[in-house]
Amino acid sequence: MAKNTPFTVENHILVPKHSLINQKEKDEIIKEYNISISNLPRILNSDKAIQDLKVKDGDIIKVERQSPTAGKTVFYRLVVNE
């Protein structure tokens, strides 16, 4: 019989890797894609996938997904309040 281990969303196989980027990376992304922060898709600060990252409004989250057809894809999301 398997042990009862607490379920954590961020370790689930279907949840892609989420990481908080620093200010330097944030500036590089804005420059590279020629966008403003408001152009990024949003993610709520209450999202369970980022609960352990200690995020605040205006932070940017890097989401890395593995795909059998596309390989590794990277997305960026802006953290917002509910």
N, C-alpha and C. Protein backbone atom coordinates (compact mmCIF):
# COMPACT_ATOMS: atom_id res chain seq x y z
N MET A 1 0.84 -1.18 0.00
CA MET A 1 0.00 0.00 0.00
C MET A 1 0.89 1.25 0.00
N ALA A 2 0.54 2.22 -0.82
CA ALA A 2 1.34 3.45 -0.94
C ALA A 2 1.16 4.36 0.27
N LYS A 3 2.22 5.10 0.57
CA LYS A 3 2.14 6.06 1.67
C LYS A 3 1.22 7.21 1.29
N ASN A 4 0.59 7.78 2.28
CA ASN A 4 -0.22 8.97 2.05
C ASN A 4 0.70 10.18 2.08
N THR A 5 1.00 10.71 0.91
CA THR A 5 1.84 11.90 0.82
C THR A 5 0.96 13.07 0.44
N PRO A 6 1.24 14.25 0.96
CA PRO A 6 0.42 15.40 0.63
C PRO A 6 0.54 15.73 -0.86
N PHE A 7 -0.58 16.10 -1.45
CA PHE A 7 -0.61 16.46 -2.87
C PHE A 7 -0.11 17.89 -3.04
N THR A 8 0.81 18.08 -3.96
CA THR A 8 1.29 19.42 -4.29
C THR A 8 1.12 19.64 -5.79
N VAL A 9 0.45 20.70 -6.13
CA VAL A 9 0.15 21.00 -7.53
C VAL A 9 1.41 21.15 -8.36
N GLU A 10 2.39 21.88 -7.84
CA GLU A 10 3.59 22.16 -8.63
C GLU A 10 4.39 20.91 -9.00
N ASN A 11 4.17 19.80 -8.32
CA ASN A 11 4.89 18.56 -8.63
C ASN A 11 4.08 17.60 -9.50
N HIS A 12 2.87 18.00 -9.89
CA HIS A 12 2.03 17.15 -10.72
C HIS A 12 2.58 17.09 -12.14
N ILE A 13 2.49 15.94 -12.76
CA ILE A 13 3.07 15.72 -14.09
C ILE A 13 2.44 16.63 -15.16
N LEU A 14 1.21 17.05 -14.98
CA LEU A 14 0.54 17.88 -15.98
C LEU A 14 0.73 19.38 -15.77
N VAL A 15 1.38 19.77 -14.70
CA VAL A 15 1.61 21.19 -14.42
C VAL A 15 3.01 21.55 -14.90
N PRO A 16 3.10 22.51 -15.84
CA PRO A 16 4.43 22.89 -16.33
C PRO A 16 5.23 23.62 -15.25
N LYS A 17 6.53 23.72 -15.47
CA LYS A 17 7.42 24.39 -14.51
C LYS A 17 7.15 25.89 -14.53
N HIS A 18 6.94 26.47 -13.35
CA HIS A 18 6.74 27.90 -13.18
C HIS A 18 7.91 28.46 -12.37
N SER A 19 8.48 29.57 -12.82
CA SER A 19 9.56 30.19 -12.06
C SER A 19 9.46 31.70 -12.15
N LEU A 20 9.87 32.36 -11.09
CA LEU A 20 9.85 33.81 -11.01
C LEU A 20 11.13 34.34 -11.64
N ILE A 21 11.00 35.32 -12.54
CA ILE A 21 12.20 35.88 -13.16
C ILE A 21 12.61 37.16 -12.45
N ASN A 22 13.88 37.50 -12.55
CA ASN A 22 14.38 38.70 -11.88
C ASN A 22 14.20 39.94 -12.77
N GLN A 23 14.54 41.10 -12.24
CA GLN A 23 14.32 42.37 -12.95
C GLN A 23 15.11 42.44 -14.25
N LYS A 24 16.33 41.92 -14.25
CA LYS A 24 17.16 41.95 -15.47
C LYS A 24 16.49 41.14 -16.59
N GLU A 25 16.03 39.94 -16.25
CA GLU A 25 15.34 39.10 -17.23
C GLU A 25 14.05 39.76 -17.70
N LYS A 26 13.35 40.41 -16.78
CA LYS A 26 12.11 41.12 -17.11
C LYS A 26 12.39 42.20 -18.15
N ASP A 27 13.43 42.99 -17.93
CA ASP A 27 13.80 44.05 -18.87
C ASP A 27 14.18 43.48 -20.23
N GLU A 28 14.91 42.36 -20.23
CA GLU A 28 15.33 41.73 -21.49
C GLU A 28 14.13 41.23 -22.29
N ILE A 29 13.15 40.66 -21.62
CA ILE A 29 11.95 40.15 -22.30
C ILE A 29 11.17 41.29 -22.93
N ILE A 30 11.00 42.36 -22.18
CA ILE A 30 10.26 43.52 -22.69
C ILE A 30 10.96 44.10 -23.92
N LYS A 31 12.28 44.16 -23.87
CA LYS A 31 13.05 44.70 -25.00
C LYS A 31 13.03 43.73 -26.18
N GLU A 32 13.27 42.44 -25.92
CA GLU A 32 13.35 41.44 -26.98
C GLU A 32 12.05 41.34 -27.79
N TYR A 33 10.92 41.34 -27.09
CA TYR A 33 9.63 41.19 -27.76
C TYR A 33 8.96 42.52 -28.08
N ASN A 34 9.60 43.64 -27.70
CA ASN A 34 9.08 44.97 -27.96
C ASN A 34 7.63 45.11 -27.48
N ILE A 35 7.43 44.79 -26.20
CA ILE A 35 6.10 44.82 -25.61
C ILE A 35 6.13 45.62 -24.31
N SER A 36 4.95 45.93 -23.81
CA SER A 36 4.87 46.48 -22.46
C SER A 36 4.37 45.34 -21.56
N ILE A 37 4.53 45.50 -20.28
CA ILE A 37 4.11 44.46 -19.33
C ILE A 37 2.63 44.14 -19.49
N SER A 38 1.83 45.15 -19.78
CA SER A 38 0.38 44.94 -19.89
C SER A 38 0.00 44.05 -21.08
N ASN A 39 0.91 43.81 -22.01
CA ASN A 39 0.64 42.94 -23.16
C ASN A 39 0.74 41.45 -22.82
N LEU A 40 1.32 41.13 -21.67
CA LEU A 40 1.50 39.73 -21.29
C LEU A 40 0.19 39.13 -20.80
N PRO A 41 -0.02 37.82 -21.06
CA PRO A 41 -1.17 37.16 -20.44
C PRO A 41 -1.01 37.18 -18.93
N ARG A 42 -2.10 37.11 -18.22
CA ARG A 42 -2.07 37.25 -16.77
C ARG A 42 -2.18 35.91 -16.06
N ILE A 43 -1.69 35.90 -14.82
CA ILE A 43 -1.86 34.76 -13.92
C ILE A 43 -2.18 35.34 -12.55
N LEU A 44 -3.18 34.81 -11.90
CA LEU A 44 -3.57 35.31 -10.58
C LEU A 44 -2.52 34.95 -9.53
N ASN A 45 -2.30 35.87 -8.61
CA ASN A 45 -1.33 35.61 -7.55
C ASN A 45 -1.78 34.47 -6.63
N SER A 46 -3.03 34.08 -6.72
CA SER A 46 -3.56 32.97 -5.92
C SER A 46 -3.49 31.62 -6.64
N ASP A 47 -2.96 31.60 -7.86
CA ASP A 47 -2.86 30.36 -8.63
C ASP A 47 -1.99 29.35 -7.86
N LYS A 48 -2.49 28.15 -7.72
CA LYS A 48 -1.80 27.12 -6.93
C LYS A 48 -0.43 26.75 -7.50
N ALA A 49 -0.24 26.92 -8.80
CA ALA A 49 1.05 26.56 -9.42
C ALA A 49 2.18 27.49 -9.00
N ILE A 50 1.84 28.70 -8.50
CA ILE A 50 2.88 29.65 -8.10
C ILE A 50 2.81 30.00 -6.62
N GLN A 51 2.08 29.23 -5.85
CA GLN A 51 1.87 29.55 -4.44
C GLN A 51 3.14 29.60 -3.62
N ASP A 52 4.16 28.85 -3.99
CA ASP A 52 5.40 28.82 -3.22
C ASP A 52 6.47 29.78 -3.73
N LEU A 53 6.15 30.58 -4.75
CA LEU A 53 7.14 31.47 -5.35
C LEU A 53 7.21 32.85 -4.69
N LYS A 54 6.30 33.13 -3.77
CA LYS A 54 6.28 34.44 -3.08
C LYS A 54 6.24 35.59 -4.07
N VAL A 55 5.21 35.58 -4.91
CA VAL A 55 5.07 36.59 -5.96
C VAL A 55 4.28 37.79 -5.46
N LYS A 56 4.44 38.89 -6.19
CA LYS A 56 3.64 40.09 -5.92
C LYS A 56 3.17 40.64 -7.27
N ASP A 57 2.22 41.55 -7.23
CA ASP A 57 1.71 42.15 -8.45
C ASP A 57 2.84 42.75 -9.27
N GLY A 58 2.79 42.53 -10.58
CA GLY A 58 3.80 43.09 -11.46
C GLY A 58 4.97 42.16 -11.73
N ASP A 59 5.09 41.07 -10.96
CA ASP A 59 6.13 40.08 -11.23
C ASP A 59 5.80 39.34 -12.51
N ILE A 60 6.82 38.76 -13.13
CA ILE A 60 6.61 37.96 -14.32
C ILE A 60 7.04 36.52 -14.02
N ILE A 61 6.18 35.60 -14.43
CA ILE A 61 6.42 34.17 -14.24
C ILE A 61 6.79 33.56 -15.58
N LYS A 62 7.83 32.76 -15.56
CA LYS A 62 8.25 32.02 -16.75
C LYS A 62 7.64 30.62 -16.65
N VAL A 63 6.91 30.22 -17.69
CA VAL A 63 6.27 28.91 -17.72
C VAL A 63 6.94 28.09 -18.82
N GLU A 64 7.51 26.96 -18.44
CA GLU A 64 8.20 26.09 -19.40
C GLU A 64 7.43 24.79 -19.56
N ARG A 65 7.05 24.51 -20.81
CA ARG A 65 6.29 23.29 -21.11
C ARG A 65 7.10 22.39 -22.03
N GLN A 66 6.99 21.09 -21.81
CA GLN A 66 7.60 20.10 -22.70
C GLN A 66 6.51 19.54 -23.59
N SER A 67 6.78 19.49 -24.88
CA SER A 67 5.84 18.97 -25.84
C SER A 67 6.53 17.92 -26.70
N PRO A 68 5.87 16.80 -26.96
CA PRO A 68 6.49 15.79 -27.80
C PRO A 68 6.69 16.26 -29.24
N THR A 69 5.89 17.20 -29.69
CA THR A 69 6.01 17.68 -31.07
C THR A 69 6.78 18.98 -31.20
N ALA A 70 6.61 19.89 -30.25
CA ALA A 70 7.24 21.21 -30.34
C ALA A 70 8.51 21.32 -29.51
N GLY A 71 8.79 20.33 -28.69
CA GLY A 71 9.94 20.42 -27.80
C GLY A 71 9.62 21.31 -26.61
N LYS A 72 10.60 22.04 -26.15
CA LYS A 72 10.41 22.93 -24.99
C LYS A 72 9.87 24.27 -25.47
N THR A 73 8.77 24.71 -24.85
CA THR A 73 8.21 26.02 -25.16
C THR A 73 8.21 26.86 -23.89
N VAL A 74 8.40 28.16 -24.06
CA VAL A 74 8.47 29.09 -22.92
C VAL A 74 7.41 30.17 -23.11
N PHE A 75 6.68 30.43 -22.03
CA PHE A 75 5.67 31.48 -22.01
C PHE A 75 5.95 32.37 -20.81
N TYR A 76 5.48 33.60 -20.88
CA TYR A 76 5.63 34.53 -19.76
C TYR A 76 4.26 35.04 -19.38
N ARG A 77 4.03 35.17 -18.06
CA ARG A 77 2.76 35.65 -17.55
C ARG A 77 2.98 36.70 -16.49
N LEU A 78 2.11 37.69 -16.47
CA LEU A 78 2.14 38.78 -15.52
C LEU A 78 1.30 38.42 -14.30
N VAL A 79 1.85 38.58 -13.11
CA VAL A 79 1.11 38.28 -11.87
C VAL A 79 0.21 39.46 -11.54
N VAL A 80 -1.08 39.16 -11.29
CA VAL A 80 -2.06 40.18 -10.93
C VAL A 80 -2.88 39.71 -9.72
N ASN A 81 -3.47 40.67 -9.02
CA ASN A 81 -4.40 40.36 -7.93
C ASN A 81 -5.71 39.87 -8.50
N GLU A 82 -6.48 39.24 -7.66
CA GLU A 82 -7.80 38.75 -8.09
C GLU A 82 -8.75 39.87 -8.38
